[in-house]
Amino acid sequence: MRETHGADAVGTLPDFGNWPDSADRYGSLRKILPYAKAVHAKVLDIDQDLNHPKFDLARCVRITRESGYDGYLGIEFEGAGDRIESVKRAVRKLTPLL
């Protein structure tokens, strides 16, 4: 049975996309990733060539790995266009980075 209380029961849920443009996304991720229990790879828009114009997905994954995080990376899509196709593109983009 998983423990639901105590020091190890509380952590962060970093999300690559939950930062305003004025924030230091990458520096902020570095600060909270050591406490992560899970991580969201938010995809706002991703084109056919797997470009993500809002922020650098590869850099976010690199920071996540450097933090020592070795858990699940959930994909969360919040862009325009076909959701299923966009998530498939995100999988194609993120898989080689892991």
PDB file of N, CA and C in Angstrom:
ATOM      1  N   MET A   1       0.843  -1.179   0.000  1.00  0.00           N
ATOM      2  CA  MET A   1       0.000   0.000   0.000  1.00  0.00           C
ATOM      3  C   MET A   1       0.891   1.247   0.000  1.00  0.00           C
ATOM      4  N   ARG A   2       0.533   2.194  -0.799  1.00  0.00           N
ATOM      5  CA  ARG A   2       1.294   3.437  -0.908  1.00  0.00           C
ATOM      6  C   ARG A   2       0.965   4.370   0.251  1.00  0.00           C
ATOM      7  N   GLU A   3       1.980   4.943   0.818  1.00  0.00           N
ATOM      8  CA  GLU A   3       1.793   5.867   1.927  1.00  0.00           C
ATOM      9  C   GLU A   3       1.217   7.185   1.422  1.00  0.00           C
ATOM     10  N   THR A   4       0.184   7.659   2.087  1.00  0.00           N
ATOM     11  CA  THR A   4      -0.491   8.887   1.660  1.00  0.00           C
ATOM     12  C   THR A   4      -0.239  10.057   2.597  1.00  0.00           C
ATOM     13  N   HIS A   5       0.719   9.912   3.473  1.00  0.00           N
ATOM     14  CA  HIS A   5       1.057  11.004   4.374  1.00  0.00           C
ATOM     15  C   HIS A   5       2.536  10.897   4.736  1.00  0.00           C
ATOM     16  N   GLY A   6       3.046  11.924   5.345  1.00  0.00           N
ATOM     17  CA  GLY A   6       4.458  11.934   5.693  1.00  0.00           C
ATOM     18  C   GLY A   6       5.255  12.773   4.712  1.00  0.00           C
ATOM     19  N   ALA A   7       6.541  12.876   4.971  1.00  0.00           N
ATOM     20  CA  ALA A   7       7.428  13.761   4.204  1.00  0.00           C
ATOM     21  C   ALA A   7       7.487  13.416   2.721  1.00  0.00           C
ATOM     22  N   ASP A   8       7.367  12.144   2.371  1.00  0.00           N
ATOM     23  CA  ASP A   8       7.471  11.748   0.963  1.00  0.00           C
ATOM     24  C   ASP A   8       6.157  11.837   0.197  1.00  0.00           C
ATOM     25  N   ALA A   9       5.080  12.186   0.859  1.00  0.00           N
ATOM     26  CA  ALA A   9       3.772  12.226   0.208  1.00  0.00           C
ATOM     27  C   ALA A   9       3.486  13.558  -0.479  1.00  0.00           C
ATOM     28  N   VAL A  10       4.316  14.561  -0.250  1.00  0.00           N
ATOM     29  CA  VAL A  10       4.090  15.884  -0.822  1.00  0.00           C
ATOM     30  C   VAL A  10       5.250  16.231  -1.740  1.00  0.00           C
ATOM     31  N   GLY A  11       4.920  16.749  -2.903  1.00  0.00           N
ATOM     32  CA  GLY A  11       5.952  17.151  -3.847  1.00  0.00           C
ATOM     33  C   GLY A  11       5.381  18.118  -4.860  1.00  0.00           C
ATOM     34  N   THR A  12       6.136  18.356  -5.909  1.00  0.00           N
ATOM     35  CA  THR A  12       5.695  19.269  -6.961  1.00  0.00           C
ATOM     36  C   THR A  12       5.240  18.479  -8.182  1.00  0.00           C
ATOM     37  N   LEU A  13       4.479  19.155  -9.033  1.00  0.00           N
ATOM     38  CA  LEU A  13       4.037  18.602 -10.310  1.00  0.00           C
ATOM     39  C   LEU A  13       4.406  19.624 -11.390  1.00  0.00           C
ATOM     40  N   PRO A  14       5.697  19.700 -11.722  1.00  0.00           N
ATOM     41  CA  PRO A  14       6.139  20.686 -12.714  1.00  0.00           C
ATOM     42  C   PRO A  14       5.462  20.454 -14.073  1.00  0.00           C
ATOM     43  N   ASP A  15       5.117  21.537 -14.701  1.00  0.00           N
ATOM     44  CA  ASP A  15       4.489  21.509 -16.014  1.00  0.00           C
ATOM     45  C   ASP A  15       5.275  22.464 -16.904  1.00  0.00           C
ATOM     46  N   PHE A  16       5.824  21.952 -18.000  1.00  0.00           N
ATOM     47  CA  PHE A  16       6.658  22.781 -18.876  1.00  0.00           C
ATOM     48  C   PHE A  16       5.935  24.036 -19.352  1.00  0.00           C
ATOM     49  N   GLY A  17       4.624  23.963 -19.511  1.00  0.00           N
ATOM     50  CA  GLY A  17       3.888  25.074 -20.104  1.00  0.00           C
ATOM     51  C   GLY A  17       3.217  26.023 -19.137  1.00  0.00           C
ATOM     52  N   ASN A  18       3.285  25.779 -17.849  1.00  0.00           N
ATOM     53  CA  ASN A  18       2.568  26.619 -16.891  1.00  0.00           C
ATOM     54  C   ASN A  18       3.404  27.787 -16.384  1.00  0.00           C
ATOM     55  N   TRP A  19       3.989  28.525 -17.289  1.00  0.00           N
ATOM     56  CA  TRP A  19       4.806  29.682 -16.911  1.00  0.00           C
ATOM     57  C   TRP A  19       4.439  30.847 -17.809  1.00  0.00           C
ATOM     58  N   PRO A  20       4.243  32.027 -17.236  1.00  0.00           N
ATOM     59  CA  PRO A  20       3.991  33.191 -18.097  1.00  0.00           C
ATOM     60  C   PRO A  20       5.249  33.526 -18.892  1.00  0.00           C
ATOM     61  N   ASP A  21       5.060  34.201 -20.004  1.00  0.00           N
ATOM     62  CA  ASP A  21       6.194  34.558 -20.853  1.00  0.00           C
ATOM     63  C   ASP A  21       7.230  35.389 -20.103  1.00  0.00           C
ATOM     64  N   SER A  22       6.804  36.122 -19.089  1.00  0.00           N
ATOM     65  CA  SER A  22       7.723  36.985 -18.346  1.00  0.00           C
ATOM     66  C   SER A  22       8.562  36.213 -17.326  1.00  0.00           C
ATOM     67  N   ALA A  23       8.221  34.955 -17.067  1.00  0.00           N
ATOM     68  CA  ALA A  23       8.941  34.153 -16.060  1.00  0.00           C
ATOM     69  C   ALA A  23      10.161  33.476 -16.672  1.00  0.00           C
ATOM     70  N   ASP A  24      11.101  33.146 -15.823  1.00  0.00           N
ATOM     71  CA  ASP A  24      12.256  32.347 -16.228  1.00  0.00           C
ATOM     72  C   ASP A  24      11.844  30.872 -16.129  1.00  0.00           C
ATOM     73  N   ARG A  25      11.232  30.377 -17.180  1.00  0.00           N
ATOM     74  CA  ARG A  25      10.700  29.014 -17.217  1.00  0.00           C
ATOM     75  C   ARG A  25      11.771  27.981 -16.840  1.00  0.00           C
ATOM     76  N   TYR A  26      12.934  28.079 -17.448  1.00  0.00           N
ATOM     77  CA  TYR A  26      13.968  27.060 -17.282  1.00  0.00           C
ATOM     78  C   TYR A  26      14.594  27.130 -15.884  1.00  0.00           C
ATOM     79  N   GLY A  27      14.839  28.330 -15.382  1.00  0.00           N
ATOM     80  CA  GLY A  27      15.358  28.491 -14.029  1.00  0.00           C
ATOM     81  C   GLY A  27      14.349  28.030 -12.989  1.00  0.00           C
ATOM     82  N   SER A  28      13.087  28.336 -13.227  1.00  0.00           N
ATOM     83  CA  SER A  28      12.035  27.923 -12.294  1.00  0.00           C
ATOM     84  C   SER A  28      11.894  26.410 -12.270  1.00  0.00           C
ATOM     85  N   LEU A  29      11.954  25.777 -13.442  1.00  0.00           N
ATOM     86  CA  LEU A  29      11.895  24.311 -13.483  1.00  0.00           C
ATOM     87  C   LEU A  29      13.055  23.701 -12.698  1.00  0.00           C
ATOM     88  N   ARG A  30      14.246  24.275 -12.847  1.00  0.00           N
ATOM     89  CA  ARG A  30      15.409  23.768 -12.094  1.00  0.00           C
ATOM     90  C   ARG A  30      15.171  23.806 -10.588  1.00  0.00           C
ATOM     91  N   LYS A  31      14.455  24.813 -10.127  1.00  0.00           N
ATOM     92  CA  LYS A  31      14.208  24.956  -8.693  1.00  0.00           C
ATOM     93  C   LYS A  31      13.198  23.943  -8.159  1.00  0.00           C
ATOM     94  N   ILE A  32      12.173  23.615  -8.948  1.00  0.00           N
ATOM     95  CA  ILE A  32      11.116  22.745  -8.417  1.00  0.00           C
ATOM     96  C   ILE A  32      11.236  21.279  -8.829  1.00  0.00           C
ATOM     97  N   LEU A  33      12.003  20.986  -9.863  1.00  0.00           N
ATOM     98  CA  LEU A  33      12.106  19.592 -10.322  1.00  0.00           C
ATOM     99  C   LEU A  33      12.699  18.635  -9.292  1.00  0.00           C
ATOM    100  N   PRO A  34      13.615  19.041  -8.432  1.00  0.00           N
ATOM    101  CA  PRO A  34      14.120  18.088  -7.438  1.00  0.00           C
ATOM    102  C   PRO A  34      13.037  17.551  -6.502  1.00  0.00           C
ATOM    103  N   TYR A  35      11.893  18.210  -6.447  1.00  0.00           N
ATOM    104  CA  TYR A  35      10.794  17.793  -5.571  1.00  0.00           C
ATOM    105  C   TYR A  35       9.643  17.152  -6.344  1.00  0.00           C
ATOM    106  N   ALA A  36       9.849  16.884  -7.635  1.00  0.00           N
ATOM    107  CA  ALA A  36       8.770  16.394  -8.505  1.00  0.00           C
ATOM    108  C   ALA A  36       8.348  14.966  -8.171  1.00  0.00           C
ATOM    109  N   LYS A  37       7.036  14.776  -8.180  1.00  0.00           N
ATOM    110  CA  LYS A  37       6.435  13.442  -8.059  1.00  0.00           C
ATOM    111  C   LYS A  37       5.986  12.954  -9.433  1.00  0.00           C
ATOM    112  N   ALA A  38       5.738  13.884 -10.337  1.00  0.00           N
ATOM    113  CA  ALA A  38       5.396  13.611 -11.732  1.00  0.00           C
ATOM    114  C   ALA A  38       5.695  14.893 -12.502  1.00  0.00           C
ATOM    115  N   VAL A  39       5.761  14.798 -13.835  1.00  0.00           N
ATOM    116  CA  VAL A  39       6.061  15.963 -14.670  1.00  0.00           C
ATOM    117  C   VAL A  39       5.118  15.967 -15.868  1.00  0.00           C
ATOM    118  N   HIS A  40       4.600  17.148 -16.202  1.00  0.00           N
ATOM    119  CA  HIS A  40       3.761  17.321 -17.381  1.00  0.00           C
ATOM    120  C   HIS A  40       4.555  18.008 -18.481  1.00  0.00           C
ATOM    121  N   ALA A  41       4.546  17.411 -19.638  1.00  0.00           N
ATOM    122  CA  ALA A  41       5.118  18.040 -20.826  1.00  0.00           C
ATOM    123  C   ALA A  41       3.961  18.675 -21.585  1.00  0.00           C
ATOM    124  N   LYS A  42       3.650  19.899 -21.229  1.00  0.00           N
ATOM    125  CA  LYS A  42       2.537  20.575 -21.893  1.00  0.00           C
ATOM    126  C   LYS A  42       2.938  20.935 -23.315  1.00  0.00           C
ATOM    127  N   VAL A  43       2.068  20.618 -24.245  1.00  0.00           N
ATOM    128  CA  VAL A  43       2.284  20.936 -25.657  1.00  0.00           C
ATOM    129  C   VAL A  43       1.206  21.931 -26.052  1.00  0.00           C
ATOM    130  N   LEU A  44       1.623  23.128 -26.423  1.00  0.00           N
ATOM    131  CA  LEU A  44       0.669  24.166 -26.792  1.00  0.00           C
ATOM    132  C   LEU A  44       0.377  24.119 -28.283  1.00  0.00           C
ATOM    133  N   ASP A  45       1.378  23.971 -29.082  1.00  0.00           N
ATOM    134  CA  ASP A  45       1.244  23.817 -30.529  1.00  0.00           C
ATOM    135  C   ASP A  45       2.470  23.061 -31.010  1.00  0.00           C
ATOM    136  N   ILE A  46       2.271  22.135 -31.902  1.00  0.00           N
ATOM    137  CA  ILE A  46       3.402  21.395 -32.453  1.00  0.00           C
ATOM    138  C   ILE A  46       3.067  21.097 -33.916  1.00  0.00           C
ATOM    139  N   ASP A  47       3.954  21.504 -34.802  1.00  0.00           N
ATOM    140  CA  ASP A  47       3.650  21.373 -36.228  1.00  0.00           C
ATOM    141  C   ASP A  47       4.092  20.016 -36.776  1.00  0.00           C
ATOM    142  N   GLN A  48       3.879  19.825 -38.074  1.00  0.00           N
ATOM    143  CA  GLN A  48       4.203  18.536 -38.713  1.00  0.00           C
ATOM    144  C   GLN A  48       5.680  18.205 -38.638  1.00  0.00           C
ATOM    145  N   ASP A  49       6.527  19.223 -38.534  1.00  0.00           N
ATOM    146  CA  ASP A  49       7.970  19.012 -38.419  1.00  0.00           C
ATOM    147  C   ASP A  49       8.421  18.877 -36.967  1.00  0.00           C
ATOM    148  N   LEU A  50       7.445  18.767 -36.058  1.00  0.00           N
ATOM    149  CA  LEU A  50       7.677  18.587 -34.623  1.00  0.00           C
ATOM    150  C   LEU A  50       8.299  19.814 -33.955  1.00  0.00           C
ATOM    151  N   ASN A  51       8.076  20.980 -34.550  1.00  0.00           N
ATOM    152  CA  ASN A  51       8.525  22.228 -33.924  1.00  0.00           C
ATOM    153  C   ASN A  51       7.481  22.686 -32.917  1.00  0.00           C
ATOM    154  N   HIS A  52       7.955  23.132 -31.771  1.00  0.00           N
ATOM    155  CA  HIS A  52       7.091  23.661 -30.715  1.00  0.00           C
ATOM    156  C   HIS A  52       7.531  25.099 -30.484  1.00  0.00           C
ATOM    157  N   PRO A  53       6.825  26.072 -31.053  1.00  0.00           N
ATOM    158  CA  PRO A  53       7.310  27.456 -31.073  1.00  0.00           C
ATOM    159  C   PRO A  53       7.255  28.200 -29.744  1.00  0.00           C
ATOM    160  N   LYS A  54       6.453  27.765 -28.792  1.00  0.00           N
ATOM    161  CA  LYS A  54       6.258  28.533 -27.560  1.00  0.00           C
ATOM    162  C   LYS A  54       7.469  28.452 -26.631  1.00  0.00           C
ATOM    163  N   PHE A  55       8.063  27.254 -26.499  1.00  0.00           N
ATOM    164  CA  PHE A  55       9.242  27.087 -25.661  1.00  0.00           C
ATOM    165  C   PHE A  55       9.991  25.845 -26.115  1.00  0.00           C
ATOM    166  N   ASP A  56      11.187  25.661 -25.600  1.00  0.00           N
ATOM    167  CA  ASP A  56      12.089  24.595 -26.028  1.00  0.00           C
ATOM    168  C   ASP A  56      11.814  23.309 -25.236  1.00  0.00           C
ATOM    169  N   LEU A  57      11.061  22.393 -25.845  1.00  0.00           N
ATOM    170  CA  LEU A  57      10.735  21.123 -25.192  1.00  0.00           C
ATOM    171  C   LEU A  57      11.995  20.325 -24.864  1.00  0.00           C
ATOM    172  N   ALA A  58      12.950  20.299 -25.776  1.00  0.00           N
ATOM    173  CA  ALA A  58      14.183  19.536 -25.551  1.00  0.00           C
ATOM    174  C   ALA A  58      14.936  20.084 -24.337  1.00  0.00           C
ATOM    175  N   ARG A  59      14.973  21.379 -24.198  1.00  0.00           N
ATOM    176  CA  ARG A  59      15.656  21.981 -23.045  1.00  0.00           C
ATOM    177  C   ARG A  59      14.930  21.620 -21.746  1.00  0.00           C
ATOM    178  N   CYS A  60      13.610  21.630 -21.778  1.00  0.00           N
ATOM    179  CA  CYS A  60      12.832  21.255 -20.593  1.00  0.00           C
ATOM    180  C   CYS A  60      13.106  19.803 -20.199  1.00  0.00           C
ATOM    181  N   VAL A  61      13.164  18.907 -21.170  1.00  0.00           N
ATOM    182  CA  VAL A  61      13.449  17.498 -20.879  1.00  0.00           C
ATOM    183  C   VAL A  61      14.867  17.359 -20.334  1.00  0.00           C
ATOM    184  N   ARG A  62      15.812  18.075 -20.916  1.00  0.00           N
ATOM    185  CA  ARG A  62      17.198  18.021 -20.448  1.00  0.00           C
ATOM    186  C   ARG A  62      17.290  18.478 -18.983  1.00  0.00           C
ATOM    187  N   ILE A  63      16.620  19.558 -18.642  1.00  0.00           N
ATOM    188  CA  ILE A  63      16.605  20.052 -17.267  1.00  0.00           C
ATOM    189  C   ILE A  63      15.959  19.016 -16.343  1.00  0.00           C
ATOM    190  N   THR A  64      14.921  18.385 -16.818  1.00  0.00           N
ATOM    191  CA  THR A  64      14.234  17.354 -16.033  1.00  0.00           C
ATOM    192  C   THR A  64      15.175  16.197 -15.739  1.00  0.00           C
ATOM    193  N   ARG A  65      15.885  15.740 -16.755  1.00  0.00           N
ATOM    194  CA  ARG A  65      16.840  14.635 -16.568  1.00  0.00           C
ATOM    195  C   ARG A  65      17.975  15.045 -15.633  1.00  0.00           C
ATOM    196  N   GLU A  66      18.482  16.269 -15.811  1.00  0.00           N
ATOM    197  CA  GLU A  66      19.588  16.760 -14.975  1.00  0.00           C
ATOM    198  C   GLU A  66      19.180  16.867 -13.506  1.00  0.00           C
ATOM    199  N   SER A  67      17.894  17.049 -13.254  1.00  0.00           N
ATOM    200  CA  SER A  67      17.413  17.174 -11.876  1.00  0.00           C
ATOM    201  C   SER A  67      17.416  15.835 -11.143  1.00  0.00           C
ATOM    202  N   GLY A  68      17.577  14.753 -11.915  1.00  0.00           N
ATOM    203  CA  GLY A  68      17.538  13.421 -11.319  1.00  0.00           C
ATOM    204  C   GLY A  68      16.167  12.779 -11.388  1.00  0.00           C
ATOM    205  N   TYR A  69      15.189  13.476 -11.942  1.00  0.00           N
ATOM    206  CA  TYR A  69      13.842  12.913 -12.051  1.00  0.00           C
ATOM    207  C   TYR A  69      13.871  11.712 -12.992  1.00  0.00           C
ATOM    208  N   ASP A  70      13.253  10.626 -12.558  1.00  0.00           N
ATOM    209  CA  ASP A  70      13.230   9.396 -13.352  1.00  0.00           C
ATOM    210  C   ASP A  70      11.847   8.759 -13.321  1.00  0.00           C
ATOM    211  N   GLY A  71      10.825   9.600 -13.365  1.00  0.00           N
ATOM    212  CA  GLY A  71       9.456   9.090 -13.310  1.00  0.00           C
ATOM    213  C   GLY A  71       8.735   9.311 -14.626  1.00  0.00           C
ATOM    214  N   TYR A  72       7.425   9.353 -14.523  1.00  0.00           N
ATOM    215  CA  TYR A  72       6.582   9.509 -15.701  1.00  0.00           C
ATOM    216  C   TYR A  72       6.603  10.936 -16.220  1.00  0.00           C
ATOM    217  N   LEU A  73       6.472  11.054 -17.536  1.00  0.00           N
ATOM    218  CA  LEU A  73       6.344  12.337 -18.212  1.00  0.00           C
ATOM    219  C   LEU A  73       5.006  12.309 -18.932  1.00  0.00           C
ATOM    220  N   GLY A  74       4.025  13.001 -18.379  1.00  0.00           N
ATOM    221  CA  GLY A  74       2.699  13.036 -18.984  1.00  0.00           C
ATOM    222  C   GLY A  74       2.616  14.117 -20.040  1.00  0.00           C
ATOM    223  N   ILE A  75       1.901  13.843 -21.110  1.00  0.00           N
ATOM    224  CA  ILE A  75       1.708  14.832 -22.167  1.00  0.00           C
ATOM    225  C   ILE A  75       0.340  15.461 -21.988  1.00  0.00           C
ATOM    226  N   GLU A  76       0.338  16.784 -21.964  1.00  0.00           N
ATOM    227  CA  GLU A  76      -0.890  17.547 -21.818  1.00  0.00           C
ATOM    228  C   GLU A  76      -0.966  18.512 -22.998  1.00  0.00           C
ATOM    229  N   PHE A  77      -2.019  18.407 -23.804  1.00  0.00           N
ATOM    230  CA  PHE A  77      -2.153  19.260 -24.984  1.00  0.00           C
ATOM    231  C   PHE A  77      -3.174  20.354 -24.725  1.00  0.00           C
ATOM    232  N   GLU A  78      -2.793  21.587 -25.014  1.00  0.00           N
ATOM    233  CA  GLU A  78      -3.697  22.730 -24.865  1.00  0.00           C
ATOM    234  C   GLU A  78      -3.579  23.687 -26.042  1.00  0.00           C
ATOM    235  N   GLY A  79      -3.441  23.175 -27.228  1.00  0.00           N
ATOM    236  CA  GLY A  79      -3.285  24.039 -28.393  1.00  0.00           C
ATOM    237  C   GLY A  79      -4.478  23.970 -29.314  1.00  0.00           C
ATOM    238  N   ALA A  80      -4.332  24.609 -30.446  1.00  0.00           N
ATOM    239  CA  ALA A  80      -5.349  24.551 -31.486  1.00  0.00           C
ATOM    240  C   ALA A  80      -5.094  23.319 -32.335  1.00  0.00           C
ATOM    241  N   GLY A  81      -6.048  22.942 -33.106  1.00  0.00           N
ATOM    242  CA  GLY A  81      -5.852  21.814 -34.006  1.00  0.00           C
ATOM    243  C   GLY A  81      -6.309  20.498 -33.406  1.00  0.00           C
ATOM    244  N   ASP A  82      -6.045  19.444 -34.146  1.00  0.00           N
ATOM    245  CA  ASP A  82      -6.477  18.109 -33.768  1.00  0.00           C
ATOM    246  C   ASP A  82      -5.704  17.611 -32.549  1.00  0.00           C
ATOM    247  N   ARG A  83      -6.403  17.309 -31.490  1.00  0.00           N
ATOM    248  CA  ARG A  83      -5.770  16.899 -30.233  1.00  0.00           C
ATOM    249  C   ARG A  83      -5.027  15.574 -30.354  1.00  0.00           C
ATOM    250  N   ILE A  84      -5.651  14.612 -31.000  1.00  0.00           N
ATOM    251  CA  ILE A  84      -5.037  13.288 -31.126  1.00  0.00           C
ATOM    252  C   ILE A  84      -3.753  13.379 -31.943  1.00  0.00           C
ATOM    253  N   GLU A  85      -3.808  14.048 -33.077  1.00  0.00           N
ATOM    254  CA  GLU A  85      -2.616  14.190 -33.915  1.00  0.00           C
ATOM    255  C   GLU A  85      -1.525  14.968 -33.194  1.00  0.00           C
ATOM    256  N   SER A  86      -1.902  15.994 -32.460  1.00  0.00           N
ATOM    257  CA  SER A  86      -0.915  16.790 -31.734  1.00  0.00           C
ATOM    258  C   SER A  86      -0.237  15.981 -30.633  1.00  0.00           C
ATOM    259  N   VAL A  87      -0.973  15.138 -29.938  1.00  0.00           N
ATOM    260  CA  VAL A  87      -0.369  14.289 -28.910  1.00  0.00           C
ATOM    261  C   VAL A  87       0.560  13.269 -29.559  1.00  0.00           C
ATOM    262  N   LYS A  88       0.161  12.716 -30.704  1.00  0.00           N
ATOM    263  CA  LYS A  88       1.038  11.781 -31.427  1.00  0.00           C
ATOM    264  C   LYS A  88       2.338  12.477 -31.836  1.00  0.00           C
ATOM    265  N   ARG A  89       2.235  13.728 -32.281  1.00  0.00           N
ATOM    266  CA  ARG A  89       3.441  14.489 -32.634  1.00  0.00           C
ATOM    267  C   ARG A  89       4.311  14.719 -31.406  1.00  0.00           C
ATOM    268  N   ALA A  90       3.676  15.022 -30.295  1.00  0.00           N
ATOM    269  CA  ALA A  90       4.422  15.238 -29.050  1.00  0.00           C
ATOM    270  C   ALA A  90       5.162  13.968 -28.645  1.00  0.00           C
ATOM    271  N   VAL A  91       4.532  12.824 -28.798  1.00  0.00           N
ATOM    272  CA  VAL A  91       5.197  11.548 -28.492  1.00  0.00           C
ATOM    273  C   VAL A  91       6.402  11.371 -29.390  1.00  0.00           C
ATOM    274  N   ARG A  92       6.244  11.668 -30.690  1.00  0.00           N
ATOM    275  CA  ARG A  92       7.369  11.541 -31.622  1.00  0.00           C
ATOM    276  C   ARG A  92       8.503  12.514 -31.287  1.00  0.00           C
ATOM    277  N   LYS A  93       8.163  13.685 -30.802  1.00  0.00           N
ATOM    278  CA  LYS A  93       9.168  14.687 -30.432  1.00  0.00           C
ATOM    279  C   LYS A  93       9.881  14.303 -29.131  1.00  0.00           C
ATOM    280  N   LEU A  94       9.112  13.868 -28.140  1.00  0.00           N
ATOM    281  CA  LEU A  94       9.671  13.642 -26.814  1.00  0.00           C
ATOM    282  C   LEU A  94      10.395  12.307 -26.663  1.00  0.00           C
ATOM    283  N   THR A  95       9.935  11.268 -27.325  1.00  0.00           N
ATOM    284  CA  THR A  95      10.511   9.937 -27.142  1.00  0.00           C
ATOM    285  C   THR A  95      12.021   9.895 -27.359  1.00  0.00           C
ATOM    286  N   PRO A  96      12.558  10.474 -28.430  1.00  0.00           N
ATOM    287  CA  PRO A  96      14.013  10.426 -28.621  1.00  0.00           C
ATOM    288  C   PRO A  96      14.787  11.227 -27.560  1.00  0.00           C
ATOM    289  N   LEU A  97      14.105  12.156 -26.886  1.00  0.00           N
ATOM    290  CA  LEU A  97      14.768  12.978 -25.878  1.00  0.00           C
ATOM    291  C   LEU A  97      14.907  12.255 -24.552  1.00  0.00           C
ATOM    292  N   LEU A  98      14.166  11.166 -24.398  1.00  0.00           N
ATOM    293  CA  LEU A  98      14.210  10.418 -23.155  1.00  0.00           C
ATOM    294  C   LEU A  98      15.276   9.399 -23.233  1.00  0.00           C
TER     295      LEU A  98
END
